[in-house]
Amino acid sequence: MIQSVNPATGKPLSTYDSHSAEEVDAALAAAVAAQAQWREKPLAERVELLRELAAVLRAGKAEYARLITEEMGKPLAEAEAEIEKCALNCVHYAEHAAEYLAERPVLAEASVVAEPLGVVLAVMPWNYPFWQFFRFAAPALAAGNGAILKHATNVPGCALAIEDVFRKASAPAGLVRALLVDVGEVAKLIADDRIAAVTLTGSTRVGALVASQAGAALKKQVLELGGSDPFVVLADADVPAAAETAVRARFLNNGQSCVNAKRFIVDEAVADEFAEAFTAAVERLRVGDPAEAGTTVGPLAREDLRDGLDEQVRRTVAAGGVLRTGGEPVAGPGYFYAPTVLDRVKPGMAAFDEETFGPVAAIVRVSGDDEALALANDTEFGLGAAVWTRSSERAQRFAKGLQAGAVFVNSMVASDPRLPFGGIKKSGYGRELGADGIREFVNVKTVWFGGTR
């Protein structure tokens, strides 16, 4: 049995029967059979499914967004935006898959072609329950693969709704299936010969476990893991603009995103101005029922996540961090945490060294560009990074020097279907989105034509 809980109230939503071993076996068999036929379909037919998926998502946007908000707590407007982004991603690959997958002549006698790997296991998290799957699925399906979804156990309704989207879009029966199984079943799925590859978005700890299991089975993996993204504000930055953007960069999705900015590394020359403007804006955020219009910060997804975040804040303050605002759970039902700003955070403190997954921001004061770059890179993570400066020379230095899968100058880090997305170091490996994303789950095959052309 799997039960969903509304994090805004702490009360149960629905209970679902887990899939039995026999049902899992049947789903894998059906996925393999469907994918064997799907890979032979003309690309034009495969991408037409993506257009149909986009239409279904848009038609059901209100329903799907409400389900997201009920199961994991993000503000309803953000949930609606998530569904629209899924639709845009489907349309993008419908329009560009032919270009991305095109045969590449290399020599007069040889070409390189891209062929699907088979059925891919997608182990997905709760924080963007629709987007994380469609980010992978749209390019994977366009390339001719099938998919088995093992979703986070606190969003079972979203998992089944995703499967229903494919059913409504007239996808081949069995090509995409959601399995409601315990996390302990993942290793069996990975080891099953019917699974060709694995993609996971989640924590570094779980990523390392899945990587070891997939590696033992010699199966391709794409891992998008944790992050402690730096948001660097240099002495010549547009501080009001940086502070305004920083609030959205940190508190979007209730602060529960791998690419949320988490460490705000600010030159001492502008640190007071930034901290005051940022804190004032954070205090204007509206915490409350995520289903109500005007709410900007909802609850954390689970009680244990809220408790763990509070413990990180307390350890940071005990180590010398300065609490400017927030710093405690919100009284009442649900798993709410007050939007929090910690100032004068330094290496060795929890809010600097660890990923803080929730509405907590850490301001780190530095003396000059060299220290800013050094502390930005002083992390085991390497997902995204932002730098604010009016100098093109400084921007180029940080764009080159920041150790991350993406660097955004005078903007917040975000994913875009046109651009590759992924990390380095303990933020994982492989890429999603863009041309690189569609090529992750293909066999890049060399074909030599000796004496036949």
Protein backbone atom coordinates (compact mmCIF):
# COMPACT_ATOMS: atom_id res chain seq x y z
CA MET A 1 0.00 0.00 0.00
CA ILE A 2 1.21 3.51 -0.87
CA GLN A 3 -0.39 6.55 0.74
CA SER A 4 -0.17 10.16 -0.37
CA VAL A 5 -0.32 12.98 2.18
CA ASN A 6 -1.20 16.64 1.67
CA PRO A 7 1.84 18.51 3.03
CA ALA A 8 -0.23 21.66 3.60
CA THR A 9 -2.41 19.86 6.14
CA GLY A 10 -0.45 16.75 7.09
CA LYS A 11 -3.57 14.69 6.37
CA PRO A 12 -3.76 11.62 4.08
CA LEU A 13 -5.04 12.15 0.55
CA SER A 14 -5.38 8.73 -1.04
CA THR A 15 -4.22 5.15 -0.68
CA TYR A 16 -3.02 3.04 -3.61
CA ASP A 17 -2.30 -0.65 -3.98
CA SER A 18 1.31 -1.39 -4.83
CA HIS A 19 1.91 -3.33 -8.02
CA SER A 20 2.55 -7.00 -7.42
CA ALA A 21 5.55 -8.90 -8.76
CA GLU A 22 3.29 -10.42 -11.41
CA GLU A 23 2.04 -6.98 -12.46
CA VAL A 24 5.58 -5.64 -12.67
CA ASP A 25 6.63 -8.60 -14.83
CA ALA A 26 3.67 -8.06 -17.14
CA ALA A 27 4.44 -4.34 -17.43
CA LEU A 28 8.05 -5.02 -18.39
CA ALA A 29 7.00 -7.61 -20.97
CA ALA A 30 4.46 -5.21 -22.46
CA ALA A 31 6.97 -2.37 -22.56
CA VAL A 32 9.53 -4.49 -24.42
CA ALA A 33 6.93 -5.64 -26.95
CA ALA A 34 5.62 -2.11 -27.49
CA GLN A 35 9.09 -0.62 -27.84
CA ALA A 36 10.11 -3.22 -30.40
CA GLN A 37 7.31 -1.97 -32.62
CA TRP A 38 7.71 1.70 -31.67
CA ARG A 39 11.34 1.86 -32.77
CA GLU A 40 10.28 0.81 -36.27
CA LYS A 41 7.76 3.61 -36.61
CA PRO A 42 8.77 6.50 -38.88
CA LEU A 43 10.14 9.43 -36.92
CA ALA A 44 7.29 11.60 -38.19
CA GLU A 45 4.82 9.25 -36.49
CA ARG A 46 6.79 9.19 -33.25
CA VAL A 47 6.94 12.96 -32.98
CA GLU A 48 3.23 13.24 -33.72
CA LEU A 49 2.70 11.50 -30.38
CA LEU A 50 4.67 14.32 -28.73
CA ARG A 51 2.31 16.89 -30.21
CA GLU A 52 -0.65 14.91 -28.93
CA LEU A 53 0.95 14.72 -25.48
CA ALA A 54 1.36 18.51 -25.45
CA ALA A 55 -2.32 18.92 -26.32
CA VAL A 56 -3.44 16.53 -23.58
CA LEU A 57 -1.25 18.26 -21.00
CA ARG A 58 -2.63 21.66 -21.89
CA ALA A 59 -6.22 20.46 -21.91
CA GLY A 60 -5.77 18.94 -18.44
CA LYS A 61 -3.53 21.64 -17.01
CA ALA A 62 -5.87 22.67 -14.20
CA GLU A 63 -6.46 19.07 -13.11
CA TYR A 64 -2.81 18.05 -13.24
CA ALA A 65 -1.60 21.21 -11.51
CA ARG A 66 -4.09 20.73 -8.69
CA LEU A 67 -2.83 17.19 -8.19
CA ILE A 68 0.79 18.36 -8.04
CA THR A 69 -0.08 21.00 -5.45
CA GLU A 70 -2.06 18.54 -3.33
CA GLU A 71 0.66 15.88 -3.30
CA MET A 72 3.86 17.93 -2.94
CA GLY A 73 2.79 21.44 -1.97
CA LYS A 74 4.07 23.88 -4.57
CA PRO A 75 1.97 27.02 -5.24
CA LEU A 76 -0.74 26.33 -7.79
CA ALA A 77 0.54 28.93 -10.26
CA GLU A 78 3.93 27.20 -10.27
CA ALA A 79 2.28 23.82 -10.78
CA GLU A 80 0.42 25.19 -13.81
CA ALA A 81 3.70 26.54 -15.16
CA GLU A 82 5.24 23.10 -14.71
CA ILE A 83 2.57 21.49 -16.88
CA GLU A 84 3.02 24.13 -19.56
CA LYS A 85 6.78 23.55 -19.55
CA CYS A 86 6.17 19.83 -20.11
CA ALA A 87 4.01 20.69 -23.12
CA LEU A 88 6.65 23.06 -24.50
CA ASN A 89 9.28 20.37 -24.14
CA CYS A 90 7.14 17.92 -26.13
CA VAL A 91 6.63 20.50 -28.87
CA HIS A 92 10.34 21.31 -28.96
CA TYR A 93 11.32 17.71 -29.62
CA ALA A 94 8.48 17.27 -32.10
CA GLU A 95 10.01 20.12 -34.07
CA HIS A 96 13.70 19.30 -33.66
CA ALA A 97 14.04 15.52 -33.25
CA ALA A 98 14.70 15.01 -36.96
CA GLU A 99 17.57 17.49 -36.80
CA TYR A 100 19.00 16.05 -33.59
CA LEU A 101 18.79 12.41 -34.76
CA ALA A 102 19.81 12.90 -38.38
CA GLU A 103 22.30 10.49 -39.93
CA ARG A 104 25.72 12.12 -40.07
CA PRO A 105 27.87 11.34 -43.11
CA VAL A 106 31.50 11.29 -41.98
CA LEU A 107 33.34 9.71 -44.91
CA ALA A 108 32.32 8.76 -48.41
CA GLU A 109 32.00 5.19 -47.11
CA ALA A 110 30.74 5.78 -43.57
CA SER A 111 27.93 7.41 -41.62
CA VAL A 112 26.90 7.63 -37.98
CA VAL A 113 23.31 6.78 -37.09
CA ALA A 114 21.37 6.99 -33.83
CA GLU A 115 19.26 4.00 -32.79
CA PRO A 116 17.19 3.54 -29.59
CA LEU A 117 18.52 1.48 -26.70
CA GLY A 118 15.20 -0.06 -25.61
CA VAL A 119 13.14 0.39 -22.45
CA VAL A 120 14.59 2.97 -20.03
CA LEU A 121 13.86 2.94 -16.30
CA ALA A 122 13.15 6.45 -15.02
CA VAL A 123 13.54 6.85 -11.24
CA MET A 124 12.00 10.23 -10.59
CA PRO A 125 11.67 12.63 -7.61
CA TRP A 126 8.69 14.43 -6.14
CA ASN A 127 9.75 18.08 -6.48
CA TYR A 128 8.76 18.46 -10.15
CA PRO A 129 6.62 15.34 -10.51
CA PHE A 130 5.55 15.94 -14.13
CA TRP A 131 8.48 17.95 -15.49
CA GLN A 132 11.24 15.60 -14.37
CA PHE A 133 9.63 12.73 -16.27
CA PHE A 134 8.65 14.61 -19.41
CA ARG A 135 12.10 16.22 -19.53
CA PHE A 136 13.47 12.71 -20.08
CA ALA A 137 10.53 11.08 -21.85
CA ALA A 138 9.94 13.45 -24.76
CA PRO A 139 13.41 13.01 -26.30
CA ALA A 140 13.66 9.35 -25.30
CA LEU A 141 10.38 8.47 -27.00
CA ALA A 142 11.21 10.53 -30.07
CA ALA A 143 14.40 8.48 -30.38
CA GLY A 144 12.35 5.26 -30.30
CA ASN A 145 12.71 4.15 -26.68
CA GLY A 146 10.07 3.02 -24.20
CA ALA A 147 9.87 3.99 -20.53
CA ILE A 148 9.07 2.53 -17.12
CA LEU A 149 8.42 5.18 -14.46
CA LYS A 150 9.30 4.49 -10.82
CA HIS A 151 8.13 7.67 -9.13
CA ALA A 152 8.69 8.94 -5.60
CA THR A 153 6.24 7.25 -3.24
CA ASN A 154 4.75 10.54 -1.99
CA VAL A 155 3.40 11.43 -5.47
CA PRO A 156 1.63 8.23 -6.58
CA GLY A 157 -1.32 10.14 -7.97
CA CYS A 158 1.00 12.12 -10.25
CA ALA A 159 2.64 8.90 -11.43
CA LEU A 160 -0.67 7.39 -12.46
CA ALA A 161 -1.82 10.68 -13.99
CA ILE A 162 1.31 10.74 -16.17
CA GLU A 163 0.50 7.26 -17.43
CA ASP A 164 -3.02 8.46 -18.16
CA VAL A 165 -1.65 11.38 -20.22
CA PHE A 166 -0.02 8.86 -22.54
CA ARG A 167 -3.20 6.81 -22.69
CA LYS A 168 -5.24 9.88 -23.65
CA ALA A 169 -2.65 10.76 -26.31
CA SER A 170 -3.11 7.31 -27.86
CA ALA A 171 0.41 6.12 -27.13
CA PRO A 172 0.95 2.43 -27.94
CA ALA A 173 -0.30 0.27 -25.07
CA GLY A 174 2.53 -0.57 -22.67
CA LEU A 175 5.10 1.81 -24.14
CA VAL A 176 5.07 3.99 -21.01
CA ARG A 177 4.08 2.50 -17.66
CA ALA A 178 4.11 3.81 -14.11
CA LEU A 179 4.90 1.23 -11.45
CA LEU A 180 3.83 1.82 -7.86
CA VAL A 181 6.52 -0.12 -6.03
CA ASP A 182 8.66 0.45 -2.99
CA VAL A 183 12.14 1.90 -3.41
CA GLY A 184 13.55 -1.50 -2.49
CA GLU A 185 12.29 -2.85 -5.82
CA VAL A 186 14.47 -0.51 -7.89
CA ALA A 187 17.50 -2.76 -7.75
CA LYS A 188 15.47 -5.64 -9.20
CA LEU A 189 14.21 -3.45 -12.02
CA ILE A 190 17.72 -2.27 -12.85
CA ALA A 191 19.02 -5.84 -12.92
CA ASP A 192 16.21 -7.05 -15.16
CA ASP A 193 17.47 -7.75 -18.69
CA ARG A 194 14.42 -6.03 -20.14
CA ILE A 195 15.65 -2.68 -18.83
CA ALA A 196 18.25 -1.23 -21.21
CA ALA A 197 19.29 1.91 -19.32
CA VAL A 198 18.49 4.05 -16.28
CA THR A 199 17.87 7.73 -15.66
CA LEU A 200 17.58 9.15 -12.17
CA THR A 201 16.93 12.56 -10.69
CA GLY A 202 17.43 12.61 -6.94
CA SER A 203 19.88 12.91 -4.09
CA THR A 204 23.59 12.23 -4.37
CA ARG A 205 23.26 9.32 -1.94
CA VAL A 206 20.56 7.61 -4.00
CA GLY A 207 22.41 8.45 -7.21
CA ALA A 208 25.53 6.68 -6.02
CA LEU A 209 23.46 3.61 -5.09
CA VAL A 210 21.66 3.48 -8.44
CA ALA A 211 24.92 4.08 -10.31
CA SER A 212 26.53 1.12 -8.56
CA GLN A 213 23.56 -1.11 -9.37
CA ALA A 214 23.41 -0.02 -13.01
CA GLY A 215 27.16 -0.27 -13.32
CA ALA A 216 27.11 -3.84 -12.04
CA ALA A 217 24.58 -4.61 -14.77
CA LEU A 218 26.65 -2.67 -17.35
CA LYS A 219 23.78 -0.35 -18.17
CA LYS A 220 23.94 3.26 -19.30
CA GLN A 221 22.92 5.85 -16.70
CA VAL A 222 22.09 9.55 -16.65
CA LEU A 223 22.17 11.03 -13.15
CA GLU A 224 20.93 14.50 -12.18
CA LEU A 225 21.64 14.82 -8.49
CA GLY A 226 21.91 17.44 -5.76
CA GLY A 227 23.25 20.94 -5.91
CA SER A 228 24.45 23.81 -3.75
CA ASP A 229 24.42 26.43 -6.46
CA PRO A 230 26.38 29.64 -5.89
CA PHE A 231 24.80 32.98 -6.75
CA VAL A 232 27.77 35.33 -6.96
CA VAL A 233 27.27 39.09 -6.61
CA LEU A 234 30.42 41.04 -7.48
CA ALA A 235 31.24 44.59 -6.38
CA ASP A 236 30.09 46.15 -9.68
CA ALA A 237 26.77 44.26 -9.86
CA ASP A 238 23.34 45.81 -10.23
CA VAL A 239 22.53 45.04 -6.61
CA PRO A 240 18.77 45.82 -6.62
CA ALA A 241 18.26 43.61 -9.68
CA ALA A 242 20.44 40.88 -8.21
CA ALA A 243 18.56 40.92 -4.89
CA GLU A 244 15.16 40.82 -6.61
CA THR A 245 16.16 37.89 -8.81
CA ALA A 246 17.83 36.13 -5.89
CA VAL A 247 14.51 35.77 -4.07
CA ARG A 248 12.94 33.88 -6.95
CA ALA A 249 16.14 31.91 -7.53
CA ARG A 250 16.08 30.66 -3.94
CA PHE A 251 12.41 30.32 -3.05
CA LEU A 252 10.90 29.00 -6.30
CA ASN A 253 9.22 25.64 -5.71
CA ASN A 254 9.31 26.31 -1.95
CA GLY A 255 13.11 26.21 -2.19
CA GLN A 256 13.02 22.55 -3.18
CA SER A 257 14.93 22.40 -6.43
CA CYS A 258 18.39 21.11 -7.25
CA VAL A 259 19.10 24.30 -9.20
CA ASN A 260 17.74 26.74 -6.65
CA ALA A 261 20.45 29.23 -5.74
CA LYS A 262 21.51 28.28 -2.23
CA ARG A 263 24.76 30.09 -1.38
CA PHE A 264 24.73 33.84 -2.06
CA ILE A 265 28.39 34.80 -2.32
CA VAL A 266 28.53 38.58 -2.14
CA ASP A 267 31.43 41.02 -2.28
CA GLU A 268 31.82 42.81 1.04
CA ALA A 269 31.60 46.17 -0.76
CA VAL A 270 27.92 45.57 -1.57
CA ALA A 271 27.05 42.90 1.00
CA ASP A 272 25.10 45.16 3.36
CA GLU A 273 23.04 46.60 0.51
CA PHE A 274 22.32 43.16 -0.91
CA ALA A 275 21.51 41.58 2.45
CA GLU A 276 19.08 44.33 3.40
CA ALA A 277 17.27 44.35 0.05
CA PHE A 278 17.17 40.56 -0.11
CA THR A 279 15.91 40.14 3.45
CA ALA A 280 13.21 42.77 2.97
CA ALA A 281 11.98 40.98 -0.15
CA VAL A 282 12.03 37.61 1.60
CA GLU A 283 9.92 39.00 4.42
CA ARG A 284 7.31 40.03 1.84
CA LEU A 285 6.87 36.43 0.67
CA ARG A 286 3.47 34.99 1.51
CA VAL A 287 3.51 31.60 3.22
CA GLY A 288 0.27 29.69 3.15
CA ASP A 289 -2.09 27.29 1.45
CA PRO A 290 -0.46 26.58 -1.93
CA ALA A 291 -3.88 26.20 -3.55
CA GLU A 292 -4.77 29.83 -2.73
CA ALA A 293 -4.01 32.63 -5.17
CA GLY A 294 -1.25 34.89 -3.90
CA THR A 295 0.66 32.24 -1.95
CA THR A 296 4.33 32.36 -2.88
CA VAL A 297 5.75 29.75 -0.50
CA GLY A 298 3.98 26.53 0.36
CA PRO A 299 4.98 23.69 2.68
CA LEU A 300 7.90 21.34 2.41
CA ALA A 301 6.91 18.06 0.84
CA ARG A 302 7.36 15.92 3.97
CA GLU A 303 7.66 16.39 7.70
CA ASP A 304 11.12 14.80 7.88
CA LEU A 305 12.39 17.25 5.26
CA ARG A 306 11.17 20.20 7.32
CA ASP A 307 12.76 18.80 10.47
CA GLY A 308 16.06 18.17 8.70
CA LEU A 309 16.13 21.70 7.31
CA ASP A 310 15.45 23.17 10.75
CA GLU A 311 18.33 21.15 12.14
CA GLN A 312 20.67 22.56 9.46
CA VAL A 313 19.61 26.11 10.31
CA ARG A 314 20.17 25.54 14.01
CA ARG A 315 23.63 24.08 13.45
CA THR A 316 24.56 27.02 11.24
CA VAL A 317 23.48 29.58 13.82
CA ALA A 318 25.27 27.67 16.57
CA ALA A 319 28.45 27.82 14.47
CA GLY A 320 28.26 31.62 14.14
CA GLY A 321 25.84 32.27 11.29
CA VAL A 322 23.62 35.32 11.77
CA LEU A 323 19.86 34.76 11.50
CA ARG A 324 18.30 37.76 9.73
CA THR A 325 14.77 36.42 9.39
CA GLY A 326 12.80 33.20 9.77
CA GLY A 327 14.63 30.24 11.20
CA GLU A 328 11.80 28.08 12.53
CA PRO A 329 8.85 25.92 11.50
CA VAL A 330 5.55 27.74 11.08
CA ALA A 331 3.09 26.88 13.83
CA GLY A 332 -0.02 24.97 12.86
CA PRO A 333 -0.85 22.08 10.56
CA GLY A 334 1.27 21.11 7.59
CA TYR A 335 5.01 21.11 6.98
CA PHE A 336 5.65 24.84 6.60
CA TYR A 337 8.98 26.51 7.32
CA ALA A 338 9.44 30.25 7.58
CA PRO A 339 11.47 31.74 4.69
CA THR A 340 14.90 32.12 6.24
CA VAL A 341 17.98 34.24 5.59
CA LEU A 342 21.28 33.37 7.23
CA ASP A 343 24.08 35.93 6.98
CA ARG A 344 27.85 35.71 7.48
CA VAL A 345 27.84 32.02 6.64
CA LYS A 346 31.27 30.48 6.17
CA PRO A 347 32.79 27.18 5.06
CA GLY A 348 32.40 24.60 7.80
CA MET A 349 28.84 25.68 8.55
CA ALA A 350 25.96 23.40 7.57
CA ALA A 351 24.31 25.96 5.27
CA PHE A 352 27.56 26.26 3.30
CA ASP A 353 28.78 22.67 3.22
CA GLU A 354 25.45 20.85 2.78
CA GLU A 355 22.61 21.11 0.33
CA THR A 356 19.71 22.94 1.99
CA PHE A 357 16.53 21.72 0.31
CA GLY A 358 13.92 24.24 1.37
CA PRO A 359 13.30 27.97 1.93
CA VAL A 360 16.65 28.83 3.49
CA ALA A 361 19.25 31.20 1.96
CA ALA A 362 22.87 31.56 3.06
CA ILE A 363 24.74 34.85 2.50
CA VAL A 364 28.51 34.45 2.33
CA ARG A 365 30.62 37.63 2.42
CA VAL A 366 33.90 37.75 0.48
CA SER A 367 36.72 40.17 -0.24
CA GLY A 368 37.19 40.37 -3.98
CA ASP A 369 36.73 38.23 -7.06
CA ASP A 370 39.38 35.64 -6.23
CA GLU A 371 37.77 34.67 -2.94
CA ALA A 372 34.32 34.73 -4.55
CA LEU A 373 35.37 32.26 -7.23
CA ALA A 374 37.24 30.05 -4.78
CA LEU A 375 34.26 29.77 -2.40
CA ALA A 376 31.79 29.30 -5.23
CA ASN A 377 33.77 26.24 -6.28
CA ASP A 378 34.33 25.07 -2.67
CA THR A 379 31.58 22.45 -2.82
CA GLU A 380 31.18 18.82 -3.77
CA PHE A 381 28.38 19.83 -6.12
CA GLY A 382 28.51 21.28 -9.62
CA LEU A 383 25.04 21.70 -11.09
CA GLY A 384 24.40 25.39 -11.81
CA ALA A 385 25.90 28.77 -10.94
CA ALA A 386 25.04 32.43 -11.45
CA VAL A 387 27.25 35.54 -11.44
CA TRP A 388 26.21 39.17 -11.37
CA THR A 389 28.52 41.84 -12.77
CA ARG A 390 28.48 44.76 -15.19
CA SER A 391 31.93 43.82 -16.51
CA SER A 392 32.15 41.57 -19.57
CA GLU A 393 35.72 40.68 -18.58
CA ARG A 394 34.61 39.55 -15.13
CA ALA A 395 31.66 37.70 -16.62
CA GLN A 396 33.95 35.79 -18.97
CA ARG A 397 36.33 34.90 -16.15
CA PHE A 398 33.56 33.50 -13.97
CA ALA A 399 31.81 31.77 -16.87
CA LYS A 400 35.04 29.90 -17.51
CA GLY A 401 36.10 29.43 -13.89
CA LEU A 402 32.88 28.30 -12.23
CA GLN A 403 32.75 24.52 -11.91
CA ALA A 404 29.20 23.74 -12.97
CA GLY A 405 27.12 22.26 -15.75
CA ALA A 406 25.59 25.68 -16.43
CA VAL A 407 26.59 29.28 -15.71
CA PHE A 408 24.09 32.13 -16.00
CA VAL A 409 25.31 35.74 -16.09
CA ASN A 410 22.99 38.39 -14.62
CA SER A 411 20.16 35.88 -14.48
CA MET A 412 18.99 32.90 -12.43
CA VAL A 413 19.77 29.31 -13.38
CA ALA A 414 16.93 27.59 -15.21
CA SER A 415 16.43 24.66 -17.57
CA ASP A 416 15.42 25.21 -21.19
CA PRO A 417 14.42 22.50 -23.72
CA ARG A 418 16.86 24.02 -26.23
CA LEU A 419 19.90 23.72 -23.96
CA PRO A 420 21.67 20.73 -22.37
CA PHE A 421 21.10 20.37 -18.63
CA GLY A 422 23.14 18.43 -16.09
CA GLY A 423 25.99 18.62 -13.63
CA ILE A 424 29.54 17.65 -12.77
CA LYS A 425 31.22 16.44 -9.58
CA LYS A 426 28.64 14.97 -7.18
CA SER A 427 25.80 16.62 -9.05
CA GLY A 428 25.89 13.71 -11.48
CA TYR A 429 26.71 13.08 -15.12
CA GLY A 430 25.05 12.89 -18.48
CA ARG A 431 22.77 15.51 -19.99
CA GLU A 432 19.08 16.05 -20.50
CA LEU A 433 17.40 18.45 -22.92
CA GLY A 434 18.74 19.92 -26.15
CA ALA A 435 20.46 17.81 -28.78
CA ASP A 436 22.68 16.24 -26.12
CA GLY A 437 19.68 14.99 -24.16
CA ILE A 438 18.10 13.09 -27.03
CA ARG A 439 21.42 11.34 -27.76
CA GLU A 440 21.89 9.96 -24.24
CA PHE A 441 19.67 6.94 -24.81
CA VAL A 442 20.69 5.99 -28.32
CA ASN A 443 23.27 3.66 -29.77
CA VAL A 444 25.60 5.88 -31.76
CA LYS A 445 26.32 3.40 -34.50
CA THR A 446 29.04 3.63 -37.13
CA VAL A 447 27.95 2.17 -40.47
CA TRP A 448 30.63 1.49 -43.11
CA PHE A 449 29.56 0.92 -46.70
CA GLY A 450 32.43 -0.89 -48.41
CA GLY A 451 31.97 -1.03 -52.15
CA THR A 452 28.21 -0.47 -51.99
CA ARG A 453 27.99 3.23 -52.82
